[in-house]
PDB file of N, CA and C in Angstrom:
ATOM      1  N   MET A   1      26.236 118.486 127.808  1.00  0.00           N
ATOM      2  CA  MET A   1      25.857 118.735 129.179  1.00  0.00           C
ATOM      3  C   MET A   1      24.413 119.193 129.207  1.00  0.00           C
ATOM      4  N   GLN A   2      23.613 118.576 130.010  1.00  0.00           N
ATOM      5  CA  GLN A   2      22.207 118.925 130.108  1.00  0.00           C
ATOM      6  C   GLN A   2      21.983 119.826 131.312  1.00  0.00           C
ATOM      7  N   LEU A   3      21.261 120.905 131.087  1.00  0.00           N
ATOM      8  CA  LEU A   3      20.981 121.847 132.158  1.00  0.00           C
ATOM      9  C   LEU A   3      19.851 121.327 133.035  1.00  0.00           C
ATOM     10  N   PRO A   4      19.879 121.685 134.304  1.00  0.00           N
ATOM     11  CA  PRO A   4      18.741 121.332 135.150  1.00  0.00           C
ATOM     12  C   PRO A   4      17.466 121.987 134.624  1.00  0.00           C
ATOM     13  N   TRP A   5      16.339 121.368 134.920  1.00  0.00           N
ATOM     14  CA  TRP A   5      15.076 121.844 134.376  1.00  0.00           C
ATOM     15  C   TRP A   5      14.810 123.294 134.765  1.00  0.00           C
ATOM     16  N   SER A   6      15.098 123.675 135.997  1.00  0.00           N
ATOM     17  CA  SER A   6      14.813 125.043 136.433  1.00  0.00           C
ATOM     18  C   SER A   6      15.684 126.053 135.684  1.00  0.00           C
ATOM     19  N   THR A   7      16.934 125.706 135.421  1.00  0.00           N
ATOM     20  CA  THR A   7      17.821 126.604 134.676  1.00  0.00           C
ATOM     21  C   THR A   7      17.379 126.722 133.228  1.00  0.00           C
ATOM     22  N   ALA A   8      17.043 125.600 132.616  1.00  0.00           N
ATOM     23  CA  ALA A   8      16.584 125.620 131.220  1.00  0.00           C
ATOM     24  C   ALA A   8      15.303 126.435 131.092  1.00  0.00           C
ATOM     25  N   ARG A   9      14.393 126.289 132.077  1.00  0.00           N
ATOM     26  CA  ARG A   9      13.143 127.044 132.043  1.00  0.00           C
ATOM     27  C   ARG A   9      13.429 128.533 132.202  1.00  0.00           C
ATOM     28  N   HIS A  10      14.382 128.894 133.079  1.00  0.00           N
ATOM     29  CA  HIS A  10      14.746 130.293 133.300  1.00  0.00           C
ATOM     30  C   HIS A  10      15.311 130.913 132.018  1.00  0.00           C
ATOM     31  N   ILE A  11      16.195 130.186 131.333  1.00  0.00           N
ATOM     32  CA  ILE A  11      16.785 130.706 130.099  1.00  0.00           C
ATOM     33  C   ILE A  11      15.731 130.841 129.022  1.00  0.00           C
ATOM     34  N   ALA A  12      14.831 129.864 128.928  1.00  0.00           N
ATOM     35  CA  ALA A  12      13.785 129.925 127.916  1.00  0.00           C
ATOM     36  C   ALA A  12      12.825 131.077 128.191  1.00  0.00           C
ATOM     37  N   LYS A  13      12.582 131.353 129.469  1.00  0.00           N
ATOM     38  CA  LYS A  13      11.629 132.404 129.828  1.00  0.00           C
ATOM     39  C   LYS A  13      12.232 133.792 129.675  1.00  0.00           C
ATOM     40  N   ARG A  14      13.420 134.000 130.222  1.00  0.00           N
ATOM     41  CA  ARG A  14      14.029 135.330 130.230  1.00  0.00           C
ATOM     42  C   ARG A  14      15.075 135.523 129.160  1.00  0.00           C
ATOM     43  N   GLY A  15      15.672 134.454 128.686  1.00  0.00           N
ATOM     44  CA  GLY A  15      16.803 134.577 127.794  1.00  0.00           C
ATOM     45  C   GLY A  15      18.060 134.799 128.615  1.00  0.00           C
ATOM     46  N   LEU A  16      19.204 134.648 128.007  1.00  0.00           N
ATOM     47  CA  LEU A  16      20.461 134.866 128.707  1.00  0.00           C
ATOM     48  C   LEU A  16      20.957 136.249 128.320  1.00  0.00           C
ATOM     49  N   PHE A  17      20.891 137.180 129.248  1.00  0.00           N
ATOM     50  CA  PHE A  17      21.239 138.560 128.961  1.00  0.00           C
ATOM     51  C   PHE A  17      22.685 138.846 129.308  1.00  0.00           C
ATOM     52  N   PHE A  18      23.251 139.861 128.665  1.00  0.00           N
ATOM     53  CA  PHE A  18      24.623 140.255 128.909  1.00  0.00           C
ATOM     54  C   PHE A  18      24.803 140.727 130.346  1.00  0.00           C
ATOM     55  N   GLY A  19      23.805 141.373 130.903  1.00  0.00           N
ATOM     56  CA  GLY A  19      23.879 141.845 132.283  1.00  0.00           C
ATOM     57  C   GLY A  19      24.015 140.707 133.276  1.00  0.00           C
ATOM     58  N   ASP A  20      23.408 139.559 132.945  1.00  0.00           N
ATOM     59  CA  ASP A  20      23.534 138.402 133.821  1.00  0.00           C
ATOM     60  C   ASP A  20      24.982 137.917 133.867  1.00  0.00           C
ATOM     61  N   MET A  21      25.666 138.021 132.760  1.00  0.00           N
ATOM     62  CA  MET A  21      27.053 137.574 132.727  1.00  0.00           C
ATOM     63  C   MET A  21      27.974 138.530 133.470  1.00  0.00           C
ATOM     64  N   LEU A  22      27.599 139.787 133.559  1.00  0.00           N
ATOM     65  CA  LEU A  22      28.434 140.768 134.252  1.00  0.00           C
ATOM     66  C   LEU A  22      28.260 140.739 135.768  1.00  0.00           C
ATOM     67  N   LYS A  23      27.274 140.005 136.258  1.00  0.00           N
ATOM     68  CA  LYS A  23      27.069 139.933 137.703  1.00  0.00           C
ATOM     69  C   LYS A  23      28.265 139.324 138.423  1.00  0.00           C
ATOM     70  N   VAL A  24      29.002 138.447 137.763  1.00  0.00           N
ATOM     71  CA  VAL A  24      30.161 137.832 138.417  1.00  0.00           C
ATOM     72  C   VAL A  24      31.251 138.854 138.701  1.00  0.00           C
ATOM     73  N   LEU A  25      31.266 139.946 137.961  1.00  0.00           N
ATOM     74  CA  LEU A  25      32.292 140.967 138.182  1.00  0.00           C
ATOM     75  C   LEU A  25      32.017 141.809 139.425  1.00  0.00           C
ATOM     76  N   THR A  26      30.886 141.593 140.087  1.00  0.00           N
ATOM     77  CA  THR A  26      30.622 142.314 141.331  1.00  0.00           C
ATOM     78  C   THR A  26      31.434 141.747 142.494  1.00  0.00           C
ATOM     79  N   HIS A  27      31.948 140.546 142.335  1.00  0.00           N
ATOM     80  CA  HIS A  27      32.812 139.957 143.365  1.00  0.00           C
ATOM     81  C   HIS A  27      34.211 140.541 143.186  1.00  0.00           C
ATOM     82  N   PRO A  28      34.759 141.240 144.180  1.00  0.00           N
ATOM     83  CA  PRO A  28      36.019 141.970 143.991  1.00  0.00           C
ATOM     84  C   PRO A  28      37.206 141.096 143.613  1.00  0.00           C
ATOM     85  N   ASP A  29      37.318 139.923 144.211  1.00  0.00           N
ATOM     86  CA  ASP A  29      38.458 139.060 143.891  1.00  0.00           C
ATOM     87  C   ASP A  29      38.384 138.578 142.445  1.00  0.00           C
ATOM     88  N   TYR A  30      37.198 138.183 142.015  1.00  0.00           N
ATOM     89  CA  TYR A  30      37.052 137.720 140.640  1.00  0.00           C
ATOM     90  C   TYR A  30      37.256 138.860 139.657  1.00  0.00           C
ATOM     91  N   ALA A  31      36.777 140.045 140.001  1.00  0.00           N
ATOM     92  CA  ALA A  31      36.961 141.201 139.114  1.00  0.00           C
ATOM     93  C   ALA A  31      38.446 141.520 138.934  1.00  0.00           C
ATOM     94  N   ARG A  32      39.216 141.447 140.022  1.00  0.00           N
ATOM     95  CA  ARG A  32      40.657 141.688 139.926  1.00  0.00           C
ATOM     96  C   ARG A  32      41.346 140.620 139.093  1.00  0.00           C
ATOM     97  N   LEU A  33      40.963 139.365 139.307  1.00  0.00           N
ATOM     98  CA  LEU A  33      41.540 138.269 138.539  1.00  0.00           C
ATOM     99  C   LEU A  33      41.211 138.409 137.057  1.00  0.00           C
ATOM    100  N   PHE A  34      39.976 138.768 136.747  1.00  0.00           N
ATOM    101  CA  PHE A  34      39.558 138.962 135.362  1.00  0.00           C
ATOM    102  C   PHE A  34      40.330 140.111 134.716  1.00  0.00           C
ATOM    103  N   ALA A  35      40.477 141.224 135.444  1.00  0.00           N
ATOM    104  CA  ALA A  35      41.220 142.377 134.919  1.00  0.00           C
ATOM    105  C   ALA A  35      42.686 142.012 134.680  1.00  0.00           C
ATOM    106  N   ALA A  36      43.276 141.251 135.595  1.00  0.00           N
ATOM    107  CA  ALA A  36      44.666 140.833 135.418  1.00  0.00           C
ATOM    108  C   ALA A  36      44.816 139.932 134.198  1.00  0.00           C
ATOM    109  N   GLN A  37      43.839 139.065 133.968  1.00  0.00           N
ATOM    110  CA  GLN A  37      43.902 138.184 132.804  1.00  0.00           C
ATOM    111  C   GLN A  37      43.767 138.979 131.508  1.00  0.00           C
ATOM    112  N   VAL A  38      42.892 139.974 131.496  1.00  0.00           N
ATOM    113  CA  VAL A  38      42.736 140.825 130.308  1.00  0.00           C
ATOM    114  C   VAL A  38      44.037 141.569 130.021  1.00  0.00           C
ATOM    115  N   ILE A  39      44.679 142.090 131.061  1.00  0.00           N
ATOM    116  CA  ILE A  39      45.948 142.808 130.881  1.00  0.00           C
ATOM    117  C   ILE A  39      47.032 141.864 130.381  1.00  0.00           C
ATOM    118  N   ALA A  40      47.077 140.645 130.928  1.00  0.00           N
ATOM    119  CA  ALA A  40      48.082 139.674 130.493  1.00  0.00           C
ATOM    120  C   ALA A  40      47.873 139.272 129.035  1.00  0.00           C
ATOM    121  N   LEU A  41      46.625 139.078 128.633  1.00  0.00           N
ATOM    122  CA  LEU A  41      46.353 138.721 127.236  1.00  0.00           C
ATOM    123  C   LEU A  41      46.666 139.875 126.291  1.00  0.00           C
ATOM    124  N   THR A  42      46.429 141.098 126.740  1.00  0.00           N
ATOM    125  CA  THR A  42      46.787 142.261 125.929  1.00  0.00           C
ATOM    126  C   THR A  42      48.299 142.327 125.748  1.00  0.00           C
ATOM    127  N   GLY A  43      49.039 142.077 126.817  1.00  0.00           N
ATOM    128  CA  GLY A  43      50.500 142.068 126.721  1.00  0.00           C
ATOM    129  C   GLY A  43      51.009 140.973 125.805  1.00  0.00           C
ATOM    130  N   THR A  44      50.381 139.800 125.855  1.00  0.00           N
ATOM    131  CA  THR A  44      50.784 138.707 124.970  1.00  0.00           C
ATOM    132  C   THR A  44      50.533 139.071 123.508  1.00  0.00           C
ATOM    133  N   GLY A  45      49.399 139.702 123.256  1.00  0.00           N
ATOM    134  CA  GLY A  45      49.102 140.143 121.886  1.00  0.00           C
ATOM    135  C   GLY A  45      50.087 141.196 121.387  1.00  0.00           C
ATOM    136  N   LEU A  46      50.419 142.143 122.257  1.00  0.00           N
ATOM    137  CA  LEU A  46      51.385 143.170 121.876  1.00  0.00           C
ATOM    138  C   LEU A  46      52.773 142.572 121.657  1.00  0.00           C
ATOM    139  N   LEU A  47      53.124 141.554 122.444  1.00  0.00           N
ATOM    140  CA  LEU A  47      54.401 140.869 122.250  1.00  0.00           C
ATOM    141  C   LEU A  47      54.457 140.211 120.874  1.00  0.00           C
ATOM    142  N   THR A  48      53.371 139.596 120.466  1.00  0.00           N
ATOM    143  CA  THR A  48      53.339 138.943 119.150  1.00  0.00           C
ATOM    144  C   THR A  48      53.491 139.967 118.029  1.00  0.00           C
ATOM    145  N   VAL A  49      52.800 141.088 118.150  1.00  0.00           N
ATOM    146  CA  VAL A  49      52.938 142.155 117.140  1.00  0.00           C
ATOM    147  C   VAL A  49      54.360 142.704 117.144  1.00  0.00           C
ATOM    148  N   GLY A  50      54.911 142.910 118.343  1.00  0.00           N
ATOM    149  CA  GLY A  50      56.287 143.414 118.442  1.00  0.00           C
ATOM    150  C   GLY A  50      57.302 142.459 117.840  1.00  0.00           C
ATOM    151  N   LEU A  51      57.089 141.150 118.041  1.00  0.00           N
ATOM    152  CA  LEU A  51      57.987 140.167 117.416  1.00  0.00           C
ATOM    153  C   LEU A  51      57.933 140.247 115.899  1.00  0.00           C
ATOM    154  N   GLY A  52      56.733 140.445 115.365  1.00  0.00           N
ATOM    155  CA  GLY A  52      56.605 140.580 113.917  1.00  0.00           C
ATOM    156  C   GLY A  52      57.330 141.807 113.381  1.00  0.00           C
ATOM    157  N   LEU A  53      57.180 142.911 114.088  1.00  0.00           N
ATOM    158  CA  LEU A  53      57.861 144.137 113.659  1.00  0.00           C
ATOM    159  C   LEU A  53      59.374 144.020 113.802  1.00  0.00           C
ATOM    160  N   LEU A  54      59.824 143.378 114.868  1.00  0.00           N
ATOM    161  CA  LEU A  54      61.260 143.178 115.053  1.00  0.00           C
ATOM    162  C   LEU A  54      61.835 142.262 113.975  1.00  0.00           C
ATOM    163  N   ALA A  55      61.089 141.220 113.641  1.00  0.00           N
ATOM    164  CA  ALA A  55      61.550 140.314 112.588  1.00  0.00           C
ATOM    165  C   ALA A  55      61.677 141.046 111.265  1.00  0.00           C
ATOM    166  N   TYR A  56      60.727 141.907 110.956  1.00  0.00           N
ATOM    167  CA  TYR A  56      60.804 142.678 109.714  1.00  0.00           C
ATOM    168  C   TYR A  56      61.956 143.667 109.763  1.00  0.00           C
ATOM    169  N   ASP A  57      62.197 144.255 110.926  1.00  0.00           N
ATOM    170  CA  ASP A  57      63.282 145.226 111.070  1.00  0.00           C
ATOM    171  C   ASP A  57      64.645 144.553 110.944  1.00  0.00           C
ATOM    172  N   LEU A  58      64.785 143.339 111.501  1.00  0.00           N
ATOM    173  CA  LEU A  58      66.069 142.645 111.459  1.00  0.00           C
ATOM    174  C   LEU A  58      66.375 142.047 110.091  1.00  0.00           C
ATOM    175  N   ALA A  59      65.382 141.420 109.485  1.00  0.00           N
ATOM    176  CA  ALA A  59      65.621 140.721 108.218  1.00  0.00           C
ATOM    177  C   ALA A  59      64.393 140.883 107.341  1.00  0.00           C
ATOM    178  N   ALA A  60      64.344 141.991 106.627  1.00  0.00           N
ATOM    179  CA  ALA A  60      63.159 142.300 105.831  1.00  0.00           C
ATOM    180  C   ALA A  60      62.874 141.233 104.774  1.00  0.00           C
ATOM    181  N   ASP A  61      63.933 140.732 104.144  1.00  0.00           N
ATOM    182  CA  ASP A  61      63.709 139.758 103.073  1.00  0.00           C
ATOM    183  C   ASP A  61      63.404 138.364 103.631  1.00  0.00           C
ATOM    184  N   ARG A  62      63.833 138.050 104.844  1.00  0.00           N
ATOM    185  CA  ARG A  62      63.578 136.738 105.458  1.00  0.00           C
ATOM    186  C   ARG A  62      62.783 136.874 106.744  1.00  0.00           C
ATOM    187  N   ALA A  63      61.909 137.866 106.800  1.00  0.00           N
ATOM    188  CA  ALA A  63      61.145 138.135 108.017  1.00  0.00           C
ATOM    189  C   ALA A  63      60.239 136.957 108.384  1.00  0.00           C
ATOM    190  N   GLY A  64      59.725 136.262 107.394  1.00  0.00           N
ATOM    191  CA  GLY A  64      58.850 135.122 107.673  1.00  0.00           C
ATOM    192  C   GLY A  64      59.575 134.013 108.422  1.00  0.00           C
ATOM    193  N   ALA A  65      60.789 133.724 107.999  1.00  0.00           N
ATOM    194  CA  ALA A  65      61.564 132.674 108.658  1.00  0.00           C
ATOM    195  C   ALA A  65      61.968 133.098 110.077  1.00  0.00           C
ATOM    196  N   VAL A  66      62.366 134.351 110.223  1.00  0.00           N
ATOM    197  CA  VAL A  66      62.754 134.848 111.546  1.00  0.00           C
ATOM    198  C   VAL A  66      61.553 134.855 112.484  1.00  0.00           C
ATOM    199  N   LEU A  67      60.416 135.316 111.986  1.00  0.00           N
ATOM    200  CA  LEU A  67      59.218 135.350 112.819  1.00  0.00           C
ATOM    201  C   LEU A  67      58.754 133.939 113.168  1.00  0.00           C
ATOM    202  N   GLY A  68      58.805 133.028 112.220  1.00  0.00           N
ATOM    203  CA  GLY A  68      58.434 131.642 112.508  1.00  0.00           C
ATOM    204  C   GLY A  68      59.312 131.024 113.574  1.00  0.00           C
ATOM    205  N   THR A  69      60.606 131.288 113.500  1.00  0.00           N
ATOM    206  CA  THR A  69      61.522 130.772 114.516  1.00  0.00           C
ATOM    207  C   THR A  69      61.244 131.386 115.877  1.00  0.00           C
ATOM    208  N   ALA A  70      61.029 132.695 115.915  1.00  0.00           N
ATOM    209  CA  ALA A  70      60.765 133.375 117.192  1.00  0.00           C
ATOM    210  C   ALA A  70      59.460 132.880 117.819  1.00  0.00           C
ATOM    211  N   LEU A  71      58.422 132.722 116.999  1.00  0.00           N
ATOM    212  CA  LEU A  71      57.146 132.242 117.538  1.00  0.00           C
ATOM    213  C   LEU A  71      57.236 130.781 117.970  1.00  0.00           C
ATOM    214  N   ALA A  72      58.019 129.984 117.268  1.00  0.00           N
ATOM    215  CA  ALA A  72      58.213 128.593 117.681  1.00  0.00           C
ATOM    216  C   ALA A  72      58.930 128.526 119.028  1.00  0.00           C
ATOM    217  N   ILE A  73      59.953 129.357 119.211  1.00  0.00           N
ATOM    218  CA  ILE A  73      60.658 129.400 120.500  1.00  0.00           C
ATOM    219  C   ILE A  73      59.715 129.854 121.607  1.00  0.00           C
ATOM    220  N   LYS A  74      58.853 130.835 121.305  1.00  0.00           N
ATOM    221  CA  LYS A  74      57.890 131.325 122.284  1.00  0.00           C
ATOM    222  C   LYS A  74      56.912 130.212 122.691  1.00  0.00           C
ATOM    223  N   MET A  75      56.421 129.463 121.726  1.00  0.00           N
ATOM    224  CA  MET A  75      55.474 128.386 122.033  1.00  0.00           C
ATOM    225  C   MET A  75      56.151 127.253 122.804  1.00  0.00           C
ATOM    226  N   VAL A  76      57.384 126.929 122.447  1.00  0.00           N
ATOM    227  CA  VAL A  76      58.111 125.884 123.169  1.00  0.00           C
ATOM    228  C   VAL A  76      58.330 126.322 124.617  1.00  0.00           C
ATOM    229  N   ALA A  77      58.613 127.595 124.814  1.00  0.00           N
ATOM    230  CA  ALA A  77      58.780 128.100 126.181  1.00  0.00           C
ATOM    231  C   ALA A  77      57.477 127.996 126.960  1.00  0.00           C
ATOM    232  N   TYR A  78      56.350 128.348 126.330  1.00  0.00           N
ATOM    233  CA  TYR A  78      55.052 128.228 127.006  1.00  0.00           C
ATOM    234  C   TYR A  78      54.740 126.777 127.348  1.00  0.00           C
ATOM    235  N   VAL A  79      54.917 125.899 126.377  1.00  0.00           N
ATOM    236  CA  VAL A  79      54.579 124.491 126.576  1.00  0.00           C
ATOM    237  C   VAL A  79      55.575 123.832 127.533  1.00  0.00           C
ATOM    238  N   GLY A  80      56.826 124.248 127.490  1.00  0.00           N
ATOM    239  CA  GLY A  80      57.830 123.648 128.353  1.00  0.00           C
ATOM    240  C   GLY A  80      57.801 124.157 129.783  1.00  0.00           C
ATOM    241  N   LEU A  81      57.459 125.428 129.962  1.00  0.00           N
ATOM    242  CA  LEU A  81      57.481 126.004 131.310  1.00  0.00           C
ATOM    243  C   LEU A  81      56.175 125.826 132.067  1.00  0.00           C
ATOM    244  N   ALA A  82      55.064 125.717 131.372  1.00  0.00           N
ATOM    245  CA  ALA A  82      53.773 125.581 132.050  1.00  0.00           C
ATOM    246  C   ALA A  82      53.701 124.322 132.919  1.00  0.00           C
ATOM    247  N   PRO A  83      54.113 123.147 132.415  1.00  0.00           N
ATOM    248  CA  PRO A  83      54.059 121.967 133.289  1.00  0.00           C
ATOM    249  C   PRO A  83      55.008 122.070 134.481  1.00  0.00           C
ATOM    250  N   VAL A  84      56.160 122.689 134.279  1.00  0.00           N
ATOM    251  CA  VAL A  84      57.117 122.838 135.372  1.00  0.00           C
ATOM    252  C   VAL A  84      56.543 123.757 136.450  1.00  0.00           C
ATOM    253  N   ALA A  85      55.940 124.860 136.036  1.00  0.00           N
ATOM    254  CA  ALA A  85      55.336 125.786 136.996  1.00  0.00           C
ATOM    255  C   ALA A  85      54.156 125.129 137.707  1.00  0.00           C
ATOM    256  N   GLY A  86      53.351 124.372 136.973  1.00  0.00           N
ATOM    257  CA  GLY A  86      52.231 123.676 137.595  1.00  0.00           C
ATOM    258  C   GLY A  86      52.680 122.622 138.577  1.00  0.00           C
ATOM    259  N   THR A  87      53.723 121.895 138.226  1.00  0.00           N
ATOM    260  CA  THR A  87      54.249 120.873 139.126  1.00  0.00           C
ATOM    261  C   THR A  87      54.843 121.508 140.368  1.00  0.00           C
ATOM    262  N   ALA A  88      55.579 122.588 140.196  1.00  0.00           N
ATOM    263  CA  ALA A  88      56.168 123.274 141.340  1.00  0.00           C
ATOM    264  C   ALA A  88      55.078 123.785 142.275  1.00  0.00           C
ATOM    265  N   ARG A  89      53.972 124.200 141.722  1.00  0.00           N
ATOM    266  CA  ARG A  89      52.866 124.691 142.554  1.00  0.00           C
ATOM    267  C   ARG A  89      52.245 123.543 143.339  1.00  0.00           C
ATOM    268  N   HIS A  90      52.073 122.390 142.702  1.00  0.00           N
ATOM    269  CA  HIS A  90      51.387 121.290 143.369  1.00  0.00           C
ATOM    270  C   HIS A  90      52.255 120.589 144.410  1.00  0.00           C
ATOM    271  N   VAL A  91      53.562 120.672 144.267  1.00  0.00           N
ATOM    272  CA  VAL A  91      54.409 120.088 145.306  1.00  0.00           C
ATOM    273  C   VAL A  91      54.779 121.129 146.358  1.00  0.00           C
ATOM    274  N   ARG A  92      54.142 122.267 146.254  1.00  0.00           N
ATOM    275  CA  ARG A  92      54.262 123.347 147.231  1.00  0.00           C
ATOM    276  C   ARG A  92      55.680 123.910 147.337  1.00  0.00           C
ATOM    277  N   CYS A  93      56.368 123.958 146.208  1.00  0.00           N
ATOM    278  CA  CYS A  93      57.683 124.605 146.193  1.00  0.00           C
ATOM    279  C   CYS A  93      57.527 126.122 146.181  1.00  0.00           C
ATOM    280  N   LEU A  94      56.436 126.587 145.579  1.00  0.00           N
ATOM    281  CA  LEU A  94      56.192 128.016 145.482  1.00  0.00           C
ATOM    282  C   LEU A  94      54.886 128.354 146.179  1.00  0.00           C
ATOM    283  N   PRO A  95      54.796 129.518 146.797  1.00  0.00           N
ATOM    284  CA  PRO A  95      53.505 129.932 147.348  1.00  0.00           C
ATOM    285  C   PRO A  95      52.474 130.096 146.228  1.00  0.00           C
ATOM    286  N   ALA A  96      51.222 129.974 146.558  1.00  0.00           N
ATOM    287  CA  ALA A  96      50.157 129.970 145.558  1.00  0.00           C
ATOM    288  C   ALA A  96      50.115 131.246 144.746  1.00  0.00           C
ATOM    289  N   VAL A  97      50.158 132.404 145.372  1.00  0.00           N
ATOM    290  CA  VAL A  97      49.996 133.670 144.660  1.00  0.00           C
ATOM    291  C   VAL A  97      51.178 133.901 143.733  1.00  0.00           C
ATOM    292  N   ARG A  98      52.385 133.641 144.189  1.00  0.00           N
ATOM    293  CA  ARG A  98      53.553 133.875 143.356  1.00  0.00           C
ATOM    294  C   ARG A  98      53.578 132.936 142.159  1.00  0.00           C
ATOM    295  N   SER A  99      53.188 131.684 142.332  1.00  0.00           N
ATOM    296  CA  SER A  99      53.225 130.764 141.204  1.00  0.00           C
ATOM    297  C   SER A  99      52.199 131.132 140.158  1.00  0.00           C
ATOM    298  N   VAL A 100      51.033 131.636 140.565  1.00  0.00           N
ATOM    299  CA  VAL A 100      50.023 132.048 139.599  1.00  0.00           C
ATOM    300  C   VAL A 100      50.526 133.253 138.821  1.00  0.00           C
ATOM    301  N   ARG A 101      51.153 134.188 139.485  1.00  0.00           N
ATOM    302  CA  ARG A 101      51.671 135.362 138.787  1.00  0.00           C
ATOM    303  C   ARG A 101      52.793 134.987 137.832  1.00  0.00           C
ATOM    304  N   ARG A 102      53.660 134.057 138.226  1.00  0.00           N
ATOM    305  CA  ARG A 102      54.774 133.657 137.362  1.00  0.00           C
ATOM    306  C   ARG A 102      54.295 132.849 136.168  1.00  0.00           C
ATOM    307  N   ALA A 103      53.289 132.030 136.349  1.00  0.00           N
ATOM    308  CA  ALA A 103      52.803 131.194 135.252  1.00  0.00           C
ATOM    309  C   ALA A 103      52.114 132.013 134.191  1.00  0.00           C
ATOM    310  N   ASP A 104      51.552 133.161 134.564  1.00  0.00           N
ATOM    311  CA  ASP A 104      50.846 133.981 133.601  1.00  0.00           C
ATOM    312  C   ASP A 104      51.819 134.951 133.014  1.00  0.00           C
TER     313      ASP A 104
END
């Protein structure tokens, strides 16, 4: 992707600063959406760690197999439910806000 000349000149002159990237967080709706995404990703990470600990607690000698099965089921659920939720949203079966919250 090629940047417009004015944008390329601006980046070359000033550089791309971290403060410039934080300007988008001044918009309240985007800031809330960003915060919700950070919280959701933190929860997903904690779920993965919790699954590992549960697998070790249930079957210490076969924890790898149990964890592999649990993570495979988790991924199949993500891959299987995401298209269904997206389709339901586009055919207007669910209101927009509720479908976004359920999909995440």
